[in-house]
Amino acid sequence: MTVPTLYGLPNCDTCKKARNWLARFEIAHEFVDYRAHPLPPVTLKSWAEHLGGWERLINKSSTTWRTLLPQRKNPGSDPEWTLLLKEYPALVRRPVVVQPDGAVSAGFTDHSFKKMFGC
């Protein structure tokens, strides 16, 4: 991988903002729709580890999270988390950016992208 890869959903407003930001600063990148191209559990676990835990990978302010049954909101193991994300891919905080050096970030703000991409 020689360019950053954004993982997200094509109709997600935050993903659109992030992609427009990258286009404005002429930063080449790849985009992967992770609903159309499901990710293996090992990738999700790796992202969670890079971000500091599953809690940082999950968007708990999403409608999807709020509509989950209470017992689904407390997965006790990595396999339970990956099963939850396989069932509800919209729970992943978007976009997830994987840099060529393997660094992982989740979410988009103008400030965080300026810092990440040196703009």
PDB file of N, CA and C in Angstrom:
ATOM      1  N   MET A   1       0.855  -1.176   0.000  1.00  0.00           N
ATOM      2  CA  MET A   1       0.000   0.000   0.000  1.00  0.00           C
ATOM      3  C   MET A   1       0.900   1.238   0.000  1.00  0.00           C
ATOM      4  N   THR A   2       0.698   2.096  -0.977  1.00  0.00           N
ATOM      5  CA  THR A   2       1.525   3.299  -1.076  1.00  0.00           C
ATOM      6  C   THR A   2       0.735   4.578  -0.819  1.00  0.00           C
ATOM      7  N   VAL A   3      -0.573   4.465  -0.760  1.00  0.00           N
ATOM      8  CA  VAL A   3      -1.418   5.620  -0.444  1.00  0.00           C
ATOM      9  C   VAL A   3      -2.324   5.235   0.720  1.00  0.00           C
ATOM     10  N   PRO A   4      -2.830   6.224   1.456  1.00  0.00           N
ATOM     11  CA  PRO A   4      -3.752   5.895   2.537  1.00  0.00           C
ATOM     12  C   PRO A   4      -5.025   5.255   1.992  1.00  0.00           C
ATOM     13  N   THR A   5      -5.607   4.386   2.795  1.00  0.00           N
ATOM     14  CA  THR A   5      -6.871   3.755   2.433  1.00  0.00           C
ATOM     15  C   THR A   5      -7.940   4.198   3.415  1.00  0.00           C
ATOM     16  N   LEU A   6      -9.048   4.690   2.880  1.00  0.00           N
ATOM     17  CA  LEU A   6     -10.202   5.058   3.694  1.00  0.00           C
ATOM     18  C   LEU A   6     -11.215   3.934   3.601  1.00  0.00           C
ATOM     19  N   TYR A   7     -11.644   3.466   4.751  1.00  0.00           N
ATOM     20  CA  TYR A   7     -12.688   2.453   4.817  1.00  0.00           C
ATOM     21  C   TYR A   7     -13.938   3.132   5.347  1.00  0.00           C
ATOM     22  N   GLY A   8     -15.032   2.956   4.645  1.00  0.00           N
ATOM     23  CA  GLY A   8     -16.260   3.595   5.071  1.00  0.00           C
ATOM     24  C   GLY A   8     -17.430   3.132   4.245  1.00  0.00           C
ATOM     25  N   LEU A   9     -18.453   3.957   4.238  1.00  0.00           N
ATOM     26  CA  LEU A   9     -19.665   3.682   3.475  1.00  0.00           C
ATOM     27  C   LEU A   9     -19.871   4.830   2.490  1.00  0.00           C
ATOM     28  N   PRO A  10     -20.156   4.521   1.231  1.00  0.00           N
ATOM     29  CA  PRO A  10     -20.223   5.568   0.206  1.00  0.00           C
ATOM     30  C   PRO A  10     -21.272   6.639   0.459  1.00  0.00           C
ATOM     31  N   ASN A  11     -22.360   6.314   1.146  1.00  0.00           N
ATOM     32  CA  ASN A  11     -23.414   7.301   1.384  1.00  0.00           C
ATOM     33  C   ASN A  11     -23.280   8.003   2.731  1.00  0.00           C
ATOM     34  N   CYS A  12     -22.231   7.699   3.475  1.00  0.00           N
ATOM     35  CA  CYS A  12     -22.001   8.309   4.783  1.00  0.00           C
ATOM     36  C   CYS A  12     -21.534   9.753   4.590  1.00  0.00           C
ATOM     37  N   ASP A  13     -22.217  10.698   5.230  1.00  0.00           N
ATOM     38  CA  ASP A  13     -21.858  12.115   5.083  1.00  0.00           C
ATOM     39  C   ASP A  13     -20.431  12.390   5.568  1.00  0.00           C
ATOM     40  N   THR A  14     -20.024  11.757   6.653  1.00  0.00           N
ATOM     41  CA  THR A  14     -18.669  11.982   7.169  1.00  0.00           C
ATOM     42  C   THR A  14     -17.626  11.445   6.202  1.00  0.00           C
ATOM     43  N   CYS A  15     -17.892  10.299   5.594  1.00  0.00           N
ATOM     44  CA  CYS A  15     -16.967   9.748   4.597  1.00  0.00           C
ATOM     45  C   CYS A  15     -16.879  10.667   3.377  1.00  0.00           C
ATOM     46  N   LYS A  16     -18.007  11.222   2.970  1.00  0.00           N
ATOM     47  CA  LYS A  16     -18.016  12.154   1.839  1.00  0.00           C
ATOM     48  C   LYS A  16     -17.179  13.390   2.170  1.00  0.00           C
ATOM     49  N   LYS A  17     -17.335  13.919   3.379  1.00  0.00           N
ATOM     50  CA  LYS A  17     -16.548  15.086   3.787  1.00  0.00           C
ATOM     51  C   LYS A  17     -15.058  14.759   3.774  1.00  0.00           C
ATOM     52  N   ALA A  18     -14.699  13.593   4.288  1.00  0.00           N
ATOM     53  CA  ALA A  18     -13.290  13.194   4.325  1.00  0.00           C
ATOM     54  C   ALA A  18     -12.734  13.040   2.909  1.00  0.00           C
ATOM     55  N   ARG A  19     -13.487  12.422   2.028  1.00  0.00           N
ATOM     56  CA  ARG A  19     -13.018  12.231   0.649  1.00  0.00           C
ATOM     57  C   ARG A  19     -12.915  13.564  -0.082  1.00  0.00           C
ATOM     58  N   ASN A  20     -13.866  14.467   0.156  1.00  0.00           N
ATOM     59  CA  ASN A  20     -13.793  15.801  -0.448  1.00  0.00           C
ATOM     60  C   ASN A  20     -12.584  16.566   0.083  1.00  0.00           C
ATOM     61  N   TRP A  21     -12.303  16.432   1.369  1.00  0.00           N
ATOM     62  CA  TRP A  21     -11.138  17.079   1.970  1.00  0.00           C
ATOM     63  C   TRP A  21      -9.862  16.583   1.303  1.00  0.00           C
ATOM     64  N   LEU A  22      -9.749  15.289   1.122  1.00  0.00           N
ATOM     65  CA  LEU A  22      -8.557  14.718   0.474  1.00  0.00           C
ATOM     66  C   LEU A  22      -8.442  15.179  -0.973  1.00  0.00           C
ATOM     67  N   ALA A  23      -9.561  15.267  -1.670  1.00  0.00           N
ATOM     68  CA  ALA A  23      -9.542  15.747  -3.057  1.00  0.00           C
ATOM     69  C   ALA A  23      -9.109  17.214  -3.104  1.00  0.00           C
ATOM     70  N   ARG A  24      -9.616  18.010  -2.170  1.00  0.00           N
ATOM     71  CA  ARG A  24      -9.267  19.437  -2.142  1.00  0.00           C
ATOM     72  C   ARG A  24      -7.761  19.634  -1.938  1.00  0.00           C
ATOM     73  N   PHE A  25      -7.154  18.796  -1.108  1.00  0.00           N
ATOM     74  CA  PHE A  25      -5.716  18.898  -0.866  1.00  0.00           C
ATOM     75  C   PHE A  25      -4.897  17.998  -1.795  1.00  0.00           C
ATOM     76  N   GLU A  26      -5.582  17.404  -2.783  1.00  0.00           N
ATOM     77  CA  GLU A  26      -4.938  16.565  -3.804  1.00  0.00           C
ATOM     78  C   GLU A  26      -4.107  15.447  -3.188  1.00  0.00           C
ATOM     79  N   ILE A  27      -4.703  14.766  -2.221  1.00  0.00           N
ATOM     80  CA  ILE A  27      -4.053  13.630  -1.571  1.00  0.00           C
ATOM     81  C   ILE A  27      -4.644  12.353  -2.142  1.00  0.00           C
ATOM     82  N   ALA A  28      -3.807  11.603  -2.839  1.00  0.00           N
ATOM     83  CA  ALA A  28      -4.248  10.345  -3.436  1.00  0.00           C
ATOM     84  C   ALA A  28      -4.613   9.367  -2.320  1.00  0.00           C
ATOM     85  N   HIS A  29      -5.647   8.592  -2.563  1.00  0.00           N
ATOM     86  CA  HIS A  29      -6.084   7.605  -1.574  1.00  0.00           C
ATOM     87  C   HIS A  29      -6.947   6.557  -2.254  1.00  0.00           C
ATOM     88  N   GLU A  30      -7.156   5.471  -1.557  1.00  0.00           N
ATOM     89  CA  GLU A  30      -8.091   4.442  -1.998  1.00  0.00           C
ATOM     90  C   GLU A  30      -9.301   4.502  -1.072  1.00  0.00           C
ATOM     91  N   PHE A  31     -10.457   4.146  -1.595  1.00  0.00           N
ATOM     92  CA  PHE A  31     -11.652   4.066  -0.764  1.00  0.00           C
ATOM     93  C   PHE A  31     -12.211   2.662  -0.856  1.00  0.00           C
ATOM     94  N   VAL A  32     -12.518   2.081   0.294  1.00  0.00           N
ATOM     95  CA  VAL A  32     -13.097   0.742   0.343  1.00  0.00           C
ATOM     96  C   VAL A  32     -14.434   0.821   1.072  1.00  0.00           C
ATOM     97  N   ASP A  33     -15.469   0.394   0.400  1.00  0.00           N
ATOM     98  CA  ASP A  33     -16.791   0.295   1.004  1.00  0.00           C
ATOM     99  C   ASP A  33     -16.805  -1.005   1.800  1.00  0.00           C
ATOM    100  N   TYR A  34     -16.733  -0.896   3.132  1.00  0.00           N
ATOM    101  CA  TYR A  34     -16.594  -2.120   3.906  1.00  0.00           C
ATOM    102  C   TYR A  34     -17.906  -2.877   4.085  1.00  0.00           C
ATOM    103  N   ARG A  35     -19.003  -2.311   3.630  1.00  0.00           N
ATOM    104  CA  ARG A  35     -20.242  -3.093   3.618  1.00  0.00           C
ATOM    105  C   ARG A  35     -20.236  -4.002   2.385  1.00  0.00           C
ATOM    106  N   ALA A  36     -19.778  -3.483   1.252  1.00  0.00           N
ATOM    107  CA  ALA A  36     -19.702  -4.264   0.021  1.00  0.00           C
ATOM    108  C   ALA A  36     -18.534  -5.249   0.052  1.00  0.00           C
ATOM    109  N   HIS A  37     -17.479  -4.898   0.789  1.00  0.00           N
ATOM    110  CA  HIS A  37     -16.282  -5.733   0.900  1.00  0.00           C
ATOM    111  C   HIS A  37     -16.001  -5.971   2.388  1.00  0.00           C
ATOM    112  N   PRO A  38     -16.759  -6.904   2.997  1.00  0.00           N
ATOM    113  CA  PRO A  38     -16.601  -7.140   4.434  1.00  0.00           C
ATOM    114  C   PRO A  38     -15.153  -7.466   4.808  1.00  0.00           C
ATOM    115  N   LEU A  39     -14.783  -6.968   5.969  1.00  0.00           N
ATOM    116  CA  LEU A  39     -13.416  -7.148   6.440  1.00  0.00           C
ATOM    117  C   LEU A  39     -13.316  -8.378   7.327  1.00  0.00           C
ATOM    118  N   PRO A  40     -12.179  -9.061   7.262  1.00  0.00           N
ATOM    119  CA  PRO A  40     -12.007 -10.228   8.118  1.00  0.00           C
ATOM    120  C   PRO A  40     -11.887  -9.803   9.586  1.00  0.00           C
ATOM    121  N   PRO A  41     -12.319 -10.666  10.494  1.00  0.00           N
ATOM    122  CA  PRO A  41     -12.231 -10.340  11.922  1.00  0.00           C
ATOM    123  C   PRO A  41     -10.829  -9.914  12.374  1.00  0.00           C
ATOM    124  N   VAL A  42      -9.798 -10.485  11.802  1.00  0.00           N
ATOM    125  CA  VAL A  42      -8.436 -10.123  12.210  1.00  0.00           C
ATOM    126  C   VAL A  42      -8.143  -8.656  11.896  1.00  0.00           C
ATOM    127  N   THR A  43      -8.701  -8.127  10.813  1.00  0.00           N
ATOM    128  CA  THR A  43      -8.510  -6.715  10.468  1.00  0.00           C
ATOM    129  C   THR A  43      -9.228  -5.821  11.474  1.00  0.00           C
ATOM    130  N   LEU A  44     -10.468  -6.174  11.806  1.00  0.00           N
ATOM    131  CA  LEU A  44     -11.223  -5.380  12.782  1.00  0.00           C
ATOM    132  C   LEU A  44     -10.522  -5.391  14.139  1.00  0.00           C
ATOM    133  N   LYS A  45     -10.028  -6.550  14.538  1.00  0.00           N
ATOM    134  CA  LYS A  45      -9.319  -6.655  15.820  1.00  0.00           C
ATOM    135  C   LYS A  45      -8.050  -5.805  15.791  1.00  0.00           C
ATOM    136  N   SER A  46      -7.334  -5.823  14.684  1.00  0.00           N
ATOM    137  CA  SER A  46      -6.116  -5.023  14.542  1.00  0.00           C
ATOM    138  C   SER A  46      -6.433  -3.537  14.648  1.00  0.00           C
ATOM    139  N   TRP A  47      -7.502  -3.099  13.980  1.00  0.00           N
ATOM    140  CA  TRP A  47      -7.903  -1.692  14.073  1.00  0.00           C
ATOM    141  C   TRP A  47      -8.203  -1.322  15.517  1.00  0.00           C
ATOM    142  N   ALA A  48      -8.974  -2.170  16.192  1.00  0.00           N
ATOM    143  CA  ALA A  48      -9.328  -1.895  17.585  1.00  0.00           C
ATOM    144  C   ALA A  48      -8.068  -1.778  18.441  1.00  0.00           C
ATOM    145  N   GLU A  49      -7.099  -2.656  18.218  1.00  0.00           N
ATOM    146  CA  GLU A  49      -5.851  -2.602  18.985  1.00  0.00           C
ATOM    147  C   GLU A  49      -5.090  -1.313  18.700  1.00  0.00           C
ATOM    148  N   HIS A  50      -5.007  -0.917  17.433  1.00  0.00           N
ATOM    149  CA  HIS A  50      -4.312   0.324  17.070  1.00  0.00           C
ATOM    150  C   HIS A  50      -4.979   1.553  17.672  1.00  0.00           C
ATOM    151  N   LEU A  51      -6.298   1.511  17.782  1.00  0.00           N
ATOM    152  CA  LEU A  51      -7.050   2.668  18.274  1.00  0.00           C
ATOM    153  C   LEU A  51      -7.149   2.710  19.799  1.00  0.00           C
ATOM    154  N   GLY A  52      -6.785   1.618  20.451  1.00  0.00           N
ATOM    155  CA  GLY A  52      -6.843   1.587  21.911  1.00  0.00           C
ATOM    156  C   GLY A  52      -8.046   0.843  22.464  1.00  0.00           C
ATOM    157  N   GLY A  53      -8.653   0.001  21.663  1.00  0.00           N
ATOM    158  CA  GLY A  53      -9.764  -0.826  22.129  1.00  0.00           C
ATOM    159  C   GLY A  53     -11.001  -0.700  21.253  1.00  0.00           C
ATOM    160  N   TRP A  54     -11.880  -1.666  21.441  1.00  0.00           N
ATOM    161  CA  TRP A  54     -13.111  -1.706  20.647  1.00  0.00           C
ATOM    162  C   TRP A  54     -13.954  -0.452  20.856  1.00  0.00           C
ATOM    163  N   GLU A  55     -13.936   0.083  22.056  1.00  0.00           N
ATOM    164  CA  GLU A  55     -14.750   1.262  22.369  1.00  0.00           C
ATOM    165  C   GLU A  55     -14.403   2.450  21.464  1.00  0.00           C
ATOM    166  N   ARG A  56     -13.163   2.520  21.021  1.00  0.00           N
ATOM    167  CA  ARG A  56     -12.747   3.646  20.155  1.00  0.00           C
ATOM    168  C   ARG A  56     -13.052   3.397  18.682  1.00  0.00           C
ATOM    169  N   LEU A  57     -13.363   2.159  18.356  1.00  0.00           N
ATOM    170  CA  LEU A  57     -13.702   1.826  16.973  1.00  0.00           C
ATOM    171  C   LEU A  57     -15.205   1.955  16.730  1.00  0.00           C
ATOM    172  N   ILE A  58     -15.982   1.905  17.787  1.00  0.00           N
ATOM    173  CA  ILE A  58     -17.443   1.904  17.678  1.00  0.00           C
ATOM    174  C   ILE A  58     -17.998   3.320  17.802  1.00  0.00           C
ATOM    175  N   ASN A  59     -18.980   3.624  16.956  1.00  0.00           N
ATOM    176  CA  ASN A  59     -19.669   4.911  17.014  1.00  0.00           C
ATOM    177  C   ASN A  59     -20.917   4.746  17.889  1.00  0.00           C
ATOM    178  N   LYS A  60     -20.765   5.080  19.170  1.00  0.00           N
ATOM    179  CA  LYS A  60     -21.866   4.888  20.108  1.00  0.00           C
ATOM    180  C   LYS A  60     -22.927   5.983  20.013  1.00  0.00           C
ATOM    181  N   SER A  61     -22.701   6.992  19.202  1.00  0.00           N
ATOM    182  CA  SER A  61     -23.731   8.012  19.019  1.00  0.00           C
ATOM    183  C   SER A  61     -24.606   7.706  17.805  1.00  0.00           C
ATOM    184  N   SER A  62     -24.339   6.585  17.145  1.00  0.00           N
ATOM    185  CA  SER A  62     -25.107   6.244  15.944  1.00  0.00           C
ATOM    186  C   SER A  62     -26.496   5.721  16.291  1.00  0.00           C
ATOM    187  N   THR A  63     -27.392   5.871  15.345  1.00  0.00           N
ATOM    188  CA  THR A  63     -28.741   5.332  15.490  1.00  0.00           C
ATOM    189  C   THR A  63     -28.679   3.822  15.644  1.00  0.00           C
ATOM    190  N   THR A  64     -27.783   3.193  14.912  1.00  0.00           N
ATOM    191  CA  THR A  64     -27.646   1.741  14.986  1.00  0.00           C
ATOM    192  C   THR A  64     -27.317   1.304  16.406  1.00  0.00           C
ATOM    193  N   TRP A  65     -26.363   1.985  17.052  1.00  0.00           N
ATOM    194  CA  TRP A  65     -25.983   1.628  18.420  1.00  0.00           C
ATOM    195  C   TRP A  65     -27.153   1.833  19.382  1.00  0.00           C
ATOM    196  N   ARG A  66     -27.828   2.957  19.240  1.00  0.00           N
ATOM    197  CA  ARG A  66     -28.926   3.273  20.156  1.00  0.00           C
ATOM    198  C   ARG A  66     -30.081   2.285  20.053  1.00  0.00           C
ATOM    199  N   THR A  67     -30.255   1.651  18.886  1.00  0.00           N
ATOM    200  CA  THR A  67     -31.359   0.705  18.714  1.00  0.00           C
ATOM    201  C   THR A  67     -30.989  -0.732  19.080  1.00  0.00           C
ATOM    202  N   LEU A  68     -29.724  -0.981  19.411  1.00  0.00           N
ATOM    203  CA  LEU A  68     -29.324  -2.332  19.822  1.00  0.00           C
ATOM    204  C   LEU A  68     -29.960  -2.680  21.160  1.00  0.00           C
ATOM    205  N   LEU A  69     -30.244  -3.951  21.332  1.00  0.00           N
ATOM    206  CA  LEU A  69     -30.712  -4.424  22.626  1.00  0.00           C
ATOM    207  C   LEU A  69     -29.589  -4.239  23.643  1.00  0.00           C
ATOM    208  N   PRO A  70     -29.908  -3.922  24.894  1.00  0.00           N
ATOM    209  CA  PRO A  70     -28.874  -3.675  25.905  1.00  0.00           C
ATOM    210  C   PRO A  70     -27.840  -4.792  26.026  1.00  0.00           C
ATOM    211  N   GLN A  71     -28.267  -6.048  25.931  1.00  0.00           N
ATOM    212  CA  GLN A  71     -27.319  -7.158  26.069  1.00  0.00           C
ATOM    213  C   GLN A  71     -26.338  -7.242  24.899  1.00  0.00           C
ATOM    214  N   ARG A  72     -26.653  -6.619  23.765  1.00  0.00           N
ATOM    215  CA  ARG A  72     -25.731  -6.618  22.614  1.00  0.00           C
ATOM    216  C   ARG A  72     -24.668  -5.534  22.744  1.00  0.00           C
ATOM    217  N   LYS A  73     -24.864  -4.584  23.666  1.00  0.00           N
ATOM    218  CA  LYS A  73     -23.952  -3.455  23.801  1.00  0.00           C
ATOM    219  C   LYS A  73     -22.743  -3.738  24.674  1.00  0.00           C
ATOM    220  N   ASN A  74     -22.615  -4.933  25.171  1.00  0.00           N
ATOM    221  CA  ASN A  74     -21.489  -5.273  26.044  1.00  0.00           C
ATOM    222  C   ASN A  74     -20.822  -6.567  25.630  1.00  0.00           C
ATOM    223  N   PRO A  75     -20.314  -6.637  24.386  1.00  0.00           N
ATOM    224  CA  PRO A  75     -19.624  -7.861  23.985  1.00  0.00           C
ATOM    225  C   PRO A  75     -18.451  -8.142  24.931  1.00  0.00           C
ATOM    226  N   GLY A  76     -18.286  -9.388  25.290  1.00  0.00           N
ATOM    227  CA  GLY A  76     -17.262  -9.744  26.264  1.00  0.00           C
ATOM    228  C   GLY A  76     -15.976 -10.264  25.674  1.00  0.00           C
ATOM    229  N   SER A  77     -15.919 -10.426  24.352  1.00  0.00           N
ATOM    230  CA  SER A  77     -14.709 -10.990  23.747  1.00  0.00           C
ATOM    231  C   SER A  77     -14.528 -10.449  22.334  1.00  0.00           C
ATOM    232  N   ASP A  78     -13.326 -10.627  21.810  1.00  0.00           N
ATOM    233  CA  ASP A  78     -13.060 -10.195  20.431  1.00  0.00           C
ATOM    234  C   ASP A  78     -14.006 -10.856  19.435  1.00  0.00           C
ATOM    235  N   PRO A  79     -14.253 -12.186  19.534  1.00  0.00           N
ATOM    236  CA  PRO A  79     -15.195 -12.792  18.582  1.00  0.00           C
ATOM    237  C   PRO A  79     -16.600 -12.191  18.662  1.00  0.00           C
ATOM    238  N   GLU A  80     -17.042 -11.825  19.868  1.00  0.00           N
ATOM    239  CA  GLU A  80     -18.364 -11.209  19.997  1.00  0.00           C
ATOM    240  C   GLU A  80     -18.384  -9.817  19.346  1.00  0.00           C
ATOM    241  N   TRP A  81     -17.311  -9.051  19.514  1.00  0.00           N
ATOM    242  CA  TRP A  81     -17.226  -7.733  18.868  1.00  0.00           C
ATOM    243  C   TRP A  81     -17.239  -7.884  17.351  1.00  0.00           C
ATOM    244  N   THR A  82     -16.429  -8.806  16.836  1.00  0.00           N
ATOM    245  CA  THR A  82     -16.354  -8.949  15.373  1.00  0.00           C
ATOM    246  C   THR A  82     -17.679  -9.445  14.806  1.00  0.00           C
ATOM    247  N   LEU A  83     -18.376 -10.304  15.544  1.00  0.00           N
ATOM    248  CA  LEU A  83     -19.694 -10.759  15.097  1.00  0.00           C
ATOM    249  C   LEU A  83     -20.677  -9.588  15.064  1.00  0.00           C
ATOM    250  N   LEU A  84     -20.632  -8.736  16.092  1.00  0.00           N
ATOM    251  CA  LEU A  84     -21.502  -7.562  16.136  1.00  0.00           C
ATOM    252  C   LEU A  84     -21.232  -6.645  14.941  1.00  0.00           C
ATOM    253  N   LEU A  85     -19.958  -6.418  14.622  1.00  0.00           N
ATOM    254  CA  LEU A  85     -19.614  -5.542  13.496  1.00  0.00           C
ATOM    255  C   LEU A  85     -19.921  -6.183  12.149  1.00  0.00           C
ATOM    256  N   LYS A  86     -19.856  -7.499  12.077  1.00  0.00           N
ATOM    257  CA  LYS A  86     -20.242  -8.180  10.843  1.00  0.00           C
ATOM    258  C   LYS A  86     -21.740  -8.007  10.612  1.00  0.00           C
ATOM    259  N   GLU A  87     -22.501  -8.100  11.694  1.00  0.00           N
ATOM    260  CA  GLU A  87     -23.948  -7.961  11.609  1.00  0.00           C
ATOM    261  C   GLU A  87     -24.376  -6.507  11.389  1.00  0.00           C
ATOM    262  N   TYR A  88     -23.627  -5.569  12.001  1.00  0.00           N
ATOM    263  CA  TYR A  88     -23.961  -4.142  11.931  1.00  0.00           C
ATOM    264  C   TYR A  88     -22.724  -3.327  11.527  1.00  0.00           C
ATOM    265  N   PRO A  89     -22.326  -3.374  10.258  1.00  0.00           N
ATOM    266  CA  PRO A  89     -21.117  -2.653   9.840  1.00  0.00           C
ATOM    267  C   PRO A  89     -21.197  -1.142  10.054  1.00  0.00           C
ATOM    268  N   ALA A  90     -22.400  -0.596  10.135  1.00  0.00           N
ATOM    269  CA  ALA A  90     -22.538   0.850  10.347  1.00  0.00           C
ATOM    270  C   ALA A  90     -22.094   1.274  11.745  1.00  0.00           C
ATOM    271  N   LEU A  91     -21.811   0.332  12.637  1.00  0.00           N
ATOM    272  CA  LEU A  91     -21.338   0.679  13.977  1.00  0.00           C
ATOM    273  C   LEU A  91     -19.898   1.193  13.987  1.00  0.00           C
ATOM    274  N   VAL A  92     -19.141   0.901  12.944  1.00  0.00           N
ATOM    275  CA  VAL A  92     -17.745   1.343  12.890  1.00  0.00           C
ATOM    276  C   VAL A  92     -17.710   2.854  12.713  1.00  0.00           C
ATOM    277  N   ARG A  93     -16.906   3.512  13.556  1.00  0.00           N
ATOM    278  CA  ARG A  93     -16.703   4.967  13.430  1.00  0.00           C
ATOM    279  C   ARG A  93     -16.073   5.225  12.064  1.00  0.00           C
ATOM    280  N   ARG A  94     -16.613   6.188  11.333  1.00  0.00           N
ATOM    281  CA  ARG A  94     -16.166   6.392   9.952  1.00  0.00           C
ATOM    282  C   ARG A  94     -15.572   7.777   9.740  1.00  0.00           C
ATOM    283  N   PRO A  95     -14.666   7.817   8.753  1.00  0.00           N
ATOM    284  CA  PRO A  95     -13.998   6.709   8.079  1.00  0.00           C
ATOM    285  C   PRO A  95     -12.841   6.192   8.932  1.00  0.00           C
ATOM    286  N   VAL A  96     -12.452   4.966   8.654  1.00  0.00           N
ATOM    287  CA  VAL A  96     -11.213   4.435   9.218  1.00  0.00           C
ATOM    288  C   VAL A  96     -10.141   4.688   8.166  1.00  0.00           C
ATOM    289  N   VAL A  97      -9.047   5.315   8.583  1.00  0.00           N
ATOM    290  CA  VAL A  97      -7.946   5.617   7.667  1.00  0.00           C
ATOM    291  C   VAL A  97      -6.761   4.738   8.059  1.00  0.00           C
ATOM    292  N   VAL A  98      -6.269   3.984   7.087  1.00  0.00           N
ATOM    293  CA  VAL A  98      -5.076   3.165   7.308  1.00  0.00           C
ATOM    294  C   VAL A  98      -3.976   3.746   6.434  1.00  0.00           C
ATOM    295  N   GLN A  99      -2.927   4.205   7.093  1.00  0.00           N
ATOM    296  CA  GLN A  99      -1.792   4.814   6.397  1.00  0.00           C
ATOM    297  C   GLN A  99      -0.864   3.729   5.842  1.00  0.00           C
ATOM    298  N   PRO A 100      -0.042   4.074   4.853  1.00  0.00           N
ATOM    299  CA  PRO A 100       0.893   3.089   4.303  1.00  0.00           C
ATOM    300  C   PRO A 100       1.815   2.467   5.361  1.00  0.00           C
ATOM    301  N   ASP A 101       2.112   3.218   6.436  1.00  0.00           N
ATOM    302  CA  ASP A 101       2.981   2.672   7.488  1.00  0.00           C
ATOM    303  C   ASP A 101       2.216   1.826   8.502  1.00  0.00           C
ATOM    304  N   GLY A 102       0.888   1.655   8.295  1.00  0.00           N
ATOM    305  CA  GLY A 102       0.083   0.826   9.175  1.00  0.00           C
ATOM    306  C   GLY A 102      -0.652   1.589  10.257  1.00  0.00           C
ATOM    307  N   ALA A 103      -0.400   2.896  10.402  1.00  0.00           N
ATOM    308  CA  ALA A 103      -1.107   3.701  11.404  1.00  0.00           C
ATOM    309  C   ALA A 103      -2.603   3.721  11.071  1.00  0.00           C
ATOM    310  N   VAL A 104      -3.423   3.684  12.113  1.00  0.00           N
ATOM    311  CA  VAL A 104      -4.873   3.631  11.946  1.00  0.00           C
ATOM    312  C   VAL A 104      -5.517   4.779  12.716  1.00  0.00           C
ATOM    313  N   SER A 105      -6.488   5.438  12.086  1.00  0.00           N
ATOM    314  CA  SER A 105      -7.289   6.450  12.782  1.00  0.00           C
ATOM    315  C   SER A 105      -8.739   6.241  12.391  1.00  0.00           C
ATOM    316  N   ALA A 106      -9.634   6.761  13.221  1.00  0.00           N
ATOM    317  CA  ALA A 106     -11.066   6.633  12.932  1.00  0.00           C
ATOM    318  C   ALA A 106     -11.731   7.982  13.136  1.00  0.00           C
ATOM    319  N   GLY A 107     -12.618   8.318  12.216  1.00  0.00           N
ATOM    320  CA  GLY A 107     -13.340   9.575  12.292  1.00  0.00           C
ATOM    321  C   GLY A 107     -12.713  10.640  11.416  1.00  0.00           C
ATOM    322  N   PHE A 108     -13.434  11.744  11.279  1.00  0.00           N
ATOM    323  CA  PHE A 108     -12.948  12.851  10.457  1.00  0.00           C
ATOM    324  C   PHE A 108     -13.248  14.175  11.124  1.00  0.00           C
ATOM    325  N   THR A 109     -12.217  15.002  11.205  1.00  0.00           N
ATOM    326  CA  THR A 109     -12.366  16.425  11.461  1.00  0.00           C
ATOM    327  C   THR A 109     -11.325  17.118  10.601  1.00  0.00           C
ATOM    328  N   ASP A 110     -11.588  18.356  10.250  1.00  0.00           N
ATOM    329  CA  ASP A 110     -10.634  19.117   9.453  1.00  0.00           C
ATOM    330  C   ASP A 110      -9.276  19.159  10.156  1.00  0.00           C
ATOM    331  N   HIS A 111      -9.304  19.429  11.453  1.00  0.00           N
ATOM    332  CA  HIS A 111      -8.068  19.535  12.229  1.00  0.00           C
ATOM    333  C   HIS A 111      -7.294  18.211  12.252  1.00  0.00           C
ATOM    334  N   SER A 112      -7.989  17.111  12.499  1.00  0.00           N
ATOM    335  CA  SER A 112      -7.289  15.823  12.574  1.00  0.00           C
ATOM    336  C   SER A 112      -6.680  15.426  11.229  1.00  0.00           C
ATOM    337  N   PHE A 113      -7.371  15.733  10.143  1.00  0.00           N
ATOM    338  CA  PHE A 113      -6.819  15.396   8.828  1.00  0.00           C
ATOM    339  C   PHE A 113      -5.644  16.314   8.487  1.00  0.00           C
ATOM    340  N   LYS A 114      -5.707  17.597   8.852  1.00  0.00           N
ATOM    341  CA  LYS A 114      -4.573  18.487   8.621  1.00  0.00           C
ATOM    342  C   LYS A 114      -3.332  17.968   9.351  1.00  0.00           C
ATOM    343  N   LYS A 115      -3.539  17.542  10.573  1.00  0.00           N
ATOM    344  CA  LYS A 115      -2.435  17.013  11.374  1.00  0.00           C
ATOM    345  C   LYS A 115      -1.911  15.698  10.770  1.00  0.00           C
ATOM    346  N   MET A 116      -2.824  14.817  10.395  1.00  0.00           N
ATOM    347  CA  MET A 116      -2.455  13.503   9.860  1.00  0.00           C
ATOM    348  C   MET A 116      -1.718  13.607   8.527  1.00  0.00           C
ATOM    349  N   PHE A 117      -2.149  14.535   7.677  1.00  0.00           N
ATOM    350  CA  PHE A 117      -1.591  14.631   6.328  1.00  0.00           C
ATOM    351  C   PHE A 117      -0.633  15.808   6.159  1.00  0.00           C
ATOM    352  N   GLY A 118      -0.354  16.532   7.226  1.00  0.00           N
ATOM    353  CA  GLY A 118       0.633  17.608   7.174  1.00  0.00           C
ATOM    354  C   GLY A 118       0.226  18.766   6.290  1.00  0.00           C
ATOM    355  N   CYS A 119      -1.022  19.120   6.291  1.00  0.00           N
ATOM    356  CA  CYS A 119      -1.511  20.222   5.445  1.00  0.00           C
ATOM    357  C   CYS A 119      -1.773  21.466   6.261  1.00  0.00           C
TER     358      CYS A 119
END
